Every structure is written in C-alpha cells, then in structure tokens.
Amino acid sequence: MQPDPIPLAQAEALRDEILALPGVAGMHGGQFGEVAMLYPGTRVRGLHLFTPRGRPDETRMEIHLIADLSQLPDLGELAGEIRTIAEGYVSEPVDVFFSDAS
C-alpha cells in the first residue's frame, strides 16, 4: 500500500483554509464524486492529485471549487490566492478549477 500523498489532517486543513476565502461557496466533488482524495473511511472532496498517463513525473494537484458569485470575486485573483495557500501543503504544481457557481 502506498502512503497517502498528503496526510488526511493536511488535506482537511487545506480544504478548510480554501473554504474560508470570500468567493468560495464550496468544494466540487465532480459529477460522480470522482474529484476527491481518498483516505480510509473518508474522502476530501474537491482535491485531486492527477498524474497524466505515461508521464509519472508530472503529478499536479487539482482543486475544484464552487464559486460564490454573490461575493463578486475576481476569479483570477482568487485562483492565485488558492495556489499560494496550496503551496504551503503540497509540492506539486496546483491547478484551480471553478467547476460550478452559486
């Protein structure tokens, strides 16, 4: 069994820090719940480590969000803030996806 890419407590802390930002309504788990980091007995929705097929050295952290448009966020700035936060938790490059809006 492989070790978790990041410990559960770190994944939850990253999620919680992102959710506290104005302009973020929630984490998006994908259409079928496929966007999540899986841990024994639980999952952290909206976070996903992705490795392109045939390129094992190009793993990236994907963060999938629901934007809160009532806050009128600048999505580019918000994505930058999220990348900066994520850099404190993961060493992989970070891609931010606004997968839904409310």
Protein backbone atom coordinates (compact mmCIF):
# COMPACT_ATOMS: atom_id res chain seq x y z
CA MET A 1 0.00 0.00 0.00
CA GLN A 2 1.31 3.42 -0.96
CA PRO A 3 1.46 6.20 1.63
CA ASP A 4 -1.09 8.99 1.29
CA PRO A 5 0.22 11.83 -0.90
CA ILE A 6 -0.56 14.20 1.94
CA PRO A 7 -1.86 13.21 5.37
CA LEU A 8 -5.61 13.47 5.97
CA ALA A 9 -5.18 16.27 8.52
CA GLN A 10 -3.23 18.33 5.96
CA ALA A 11 -5.82 17.73 3.23
CA GLU A 12 -8.61 18.79 5.60
CA ALA A 13 -6.66 21.87 6.69
CA LEU A 14 -6.06 22.85 3.06
CA ARG A 15 -9.76 22.38 2.28
CA ASP A 16 -10.82 24.40 5.33
CA GLU A 17 -8.45 27.25 4.51
CA ILE A 18 -9.82 27.40 0.96
CA LEU A 19 -13.44 27.29 2.17
CA ALA A 20 -12.76 30.28 4.46
CA LEU A 21 -11.96 32.53 1.49
CA PRO A 22 -14.59 35.03 0.34
CA GLY A 23 -15.82 33.96 -3.07
CA VAL A 24 -15.65 30.22 -2.36
CA ALA A 25 -19.05 28.59 -1.82
CA GLY A 26 -17.74 25.04 -1.54
CA MET A 27 -15.59 22.28 -2.91
CA HIS A 28 -16.79 20.47 -6.05
CA GLY A 29 -16.55 16.70 -5.93
CA GLY A 30 -17.21 16.09 -9.61
CA GLN A 31 -20.32 14.67 -11.25
CA PHE A 32 -19.89 11.25 -9.68
CA GLY A 33 -17.73 12.10 -6.66
CA GLU A 34 -14.56 11.31 -8.57
CA VAL A 35 -12.77 14.52 -7.57
CA ALA A 36 -11.60 13.66 -4.08
CA MET A 37 -8.61 12.48 -2.14
CA LEU A 38 -9.48 9.13 -0.61
CA TYR A 39 -8.48 8.06 2.88
CA PRO A 40 -9.57 5.07 4.98
CA GLY A 41 -13.21 5.69 5.84
CA THR A 42 -13.39 9.21 4.40
CA ARG A 43 -12.65 11.48 1.48
CA VAL A 44 -11.75 15.13 0.98
CA ARG A 45 -13.91 16.46 -1.85
CA GLY A 46 -12.52 18.90 -4.38
CA LEU A 47 -8.86 17.92 -4.02
CA HIS A 48 -7.32 15.53 -6.53
CA LEU A 49 -3.77 14.51 -7.36
CA PHE A 50 -3.56 13.89 -11.10
CA THR A 51 -0.77 12.15 -12.98
CA PRO A 52 -1.11 12.14 -16.78
CA ARG A 53 -0.85 8.67 -18.31
CA GLY A 54 2.70 7.95 -19.40
CA ARG A 55 4.14 10.94 -17.51
CA PRO A 56 4.64 9.79 -13.91
CA ASP A 57 6.87 12.76 -13.09
CA GLU A 58 4.18 15.34 -13.92
CA THR A 59 1.80 14.93 -10.98
CA ARG A 60 -0.34 18.00 -10.29
CA MET A 61 -2.75 18.98 -7.52
CA GLU A 62 -6.19 19.85 -8.87
CA ILE A 63 -8.51 21.95 -6.72
CA HIS A 64 -12.15 22.02 -7.87
CA LEU A 65 -14.36 24.75 -6.42
CA ILE A 66 -17.83 26.20 -6.40
CA ALA A 67 -17.54 29.97 -6.76
CA ASP A 68 -19.80 32.25 -4.72
CA LEU A 69 -20.72 34.88 -7.29
CA SER A 70 -22.69 36.92 -4.75
CA GLN A 71 -19.29 37.98 -3.39
CA LEU A 72 -18.33 39.26 -6.88
CA PRO A 73 -14.88 37.67 -6.69
CA ASP A 74 -12.15 38.32 -9.22
CA LEU A 75 -11.70 34.67 -10.18
CA GLY A 76 -8.12 35.16 -11.38
CA GLU A 77 -7.09 36.71 -8.06
CA LEU A 78 -9.00 34.07 -6.12
CA ALA A 79 -7.24 31.29 -8.04
CA GLY A 80 -3.90 32.93 -7.24
CA GLU A 81 -4.76 33.09 -3.52
CA ILE A 82 -5.72 29.42 -3.57
CA ARG A 83 -2.48 28.44 -5.32
CA THR A 84 -0.49 30.36 -2.70
CA ILE A 85 -2.33 28.60 0.13
CA ALA A 86 -1.89 25.19 -1.51
CA GLU A 87 1.87 25.72 -1.90
CA GLY A 88 2.07 25.52 1.89
CA TYR A 89 0.66 21.99 1.79
CA VAL A 90 1.86 20.33 -1.43
CA SER A 91 4.98 20.46 -3.56
CA GLU A 92 3.19 19.66 -6.83
CA PRO A 93 2.05 22.40 -9.22
CA VAL A 94 -1.54 23.46 -8.48
CA ASP A 95 -4.38 23.86 -10.98
CA VAL A 96 -7.56 25.61 -9.80
CA PHE A 97 -10.88 24.80 -11.49
CA PHE A 98 -14.10 26.74 -10.93
CA SER A 99 -16.38 23.79 -11.62
CA ASP A 100 -19.66 25.41 -10.58
CA ALA A 101 -21.05 28.70 -9.29
CA SER A 102 -23.78 29.75 -6.90
